[in-house]
Protein backbone atom coordinates (compact mmCIF):
# COMPACT_ATOMS: atom_id res chain seq x y z
CA MET A 1 109.43 163.85 89.96
CA LYS A 2 106.76 166.51 89.84
CA GLN A 3 103.19 165.31 89.43
CA SER A 4 102.74 167.73 86.53
CA VAL A 5 105.37 165.82 84.52
CA LEU A 6 103.62 162.51 85.21
CA ASP A 7 100.30 164.08 84.20
CA LEU A 8 101.87 165.34 80.97
CA LEU A 9 103.25 161.88 80.15
CA ARG A 10 99.78 160.43 80.62
CA ALA A 11 98.15 163.18 78.56
CA VAL A 12 100.35 162.34 75.56
CA GLY A 13 99.74 158.60 75.83
CA LEU A 14 102.84 157.56 77.78
CA GLU A 15 100.98 155.90 80.66
CA SER A 16 103.39 152.96 80.94
CA GLN A 17 106.39 155.31 81.21
CA ALA A 18 104.64 157.32 83.94
CA GLU A 19 103.89 154.10 85.83
CA ARG A 20 107.52 153.01 85.58
CA ILE A 21 108.69 156.32 87.01
CA GLU A 22 106.21 156.07 89.88
CA ARG A 23 107.60 152.60 90.72
CA GLY A 24 111.16 153.97 90.69
CA ASP A 25 112.00 152.29 87.37
CA CYS A 26 113.63 153.91 84.34
CA PRO A 27 110.97 154.92 81.79
CA LEU A 28 113.18 153.78 78.88
CA CYS A 29 114.76 150.47 79.90
CA GLY A 30 112.51 149.55 82.85
CA CYS A 31 115.36 148.75 85.26
CA LYS A 32 115.14 149.72 88.92
CA VAL A 33 116.93 153.05 89.39
CA ASP A 34 119.63 153.04 92.07
CA VAL A 35 119.87 156.69 93.06
CA SER A 36 123.24 156.06 94.73
CA ALA A 37 124.67 155.20 91.28
CA PHE A 38 124.62 158.86 90.23
CA THR A 39 128.12 160.29 90.46
CA GLU A 40 127.36 163.87 89.34
CA GLU A 41 124.83 166.36 90.66
CA VAL A 42 123.65 167.02 87.12
CA GLU A 43 122.80 163.30 86.71
CA ARG A 44 120.64 163.43 89.82
CA MET A 45 118.95 166.61 88.54
CA GLU A 46 118.19 164.92 85.21
CA PHE A 47 116.81 161.90 87.07
CA ASP A 48 114.48 164.22 89.00
CA ILE A 49 113.23 165.62 85.68
CA SER A 50 113.07 162.53 83.47
CA GLY A 51 113.38 159.48 85.71
CA LEU A 52 116.17 158.12 83.50
CA CYS A 53 118.71 155.70 85.00
CA PRO A 54 122.44 156.52 84.64
CA LYS A 55 122.87 154.09 81.72
CA CYS A 56 119.96 155.59 79.74
CA GLN A 57 121.09 159.13 80.53
CA TYR A 58 124.45 158.25 79.02
CA LYS A 59 122.81 156.76 75.92
CA VAL A 60 120.57 159.81 75.45
CA TYR A 61 123.02 162.62 76.21
CA HIS A 62 126.53 161.34 75.38
CA THR A 63 127.49 160.88 71.76
CA ASN A 64 130.65 161.41 69.75
CA LYS A 65 129.35 164.80 68.59
CA PHE A 66 127.91 166.14 71.84
CA SER A 67 128.52 165.61 75.52
CA TYR A 68 125.68 166.76 77.73
CA LEU A 69 127.50 166.73 81.05
CA PRO A 70 129.94 169.66 80.49
CA VAL A 71 127.13 171.78 79.07
CA MET A 72 124.86 171.14 82.05
CA GLN A 73 127.69 171.78 84.50
CA GLY A 74 128.22 175.16 82.84
CA VAL A 75 124.51 175.93 83.10
CA MET A 76 124.52 174.99 86.80
CA GLU A 77 127.50 177.26 87.47
CA PHE A 78 125.77 180.14 85.68
CA CYS A 79 122.56 179.58 87.68
CA ARG A 80 124.48 179.61 90.95
CA LYS A 81 125.89 183.04 90.10
CA VAL A 82 122.54 184.58 89.20
């Protein structure tokens, strides 16, 4: 994770979440993140941005109304072409 993101978390009062990320823990649930558990490239990319474990990513981005994964895969394909 970029230091600027950690600095931003601290600036808005999310010190404990920044500390969790620095330890390799999920900022939401606090579990140790096993990077090998990511099955999709987009999950790994989201982890690099947010520090979220696979279970929390699913809770945040997958609902009955909206599935994040197909959207992000489409974005990644577009970016590869540009």
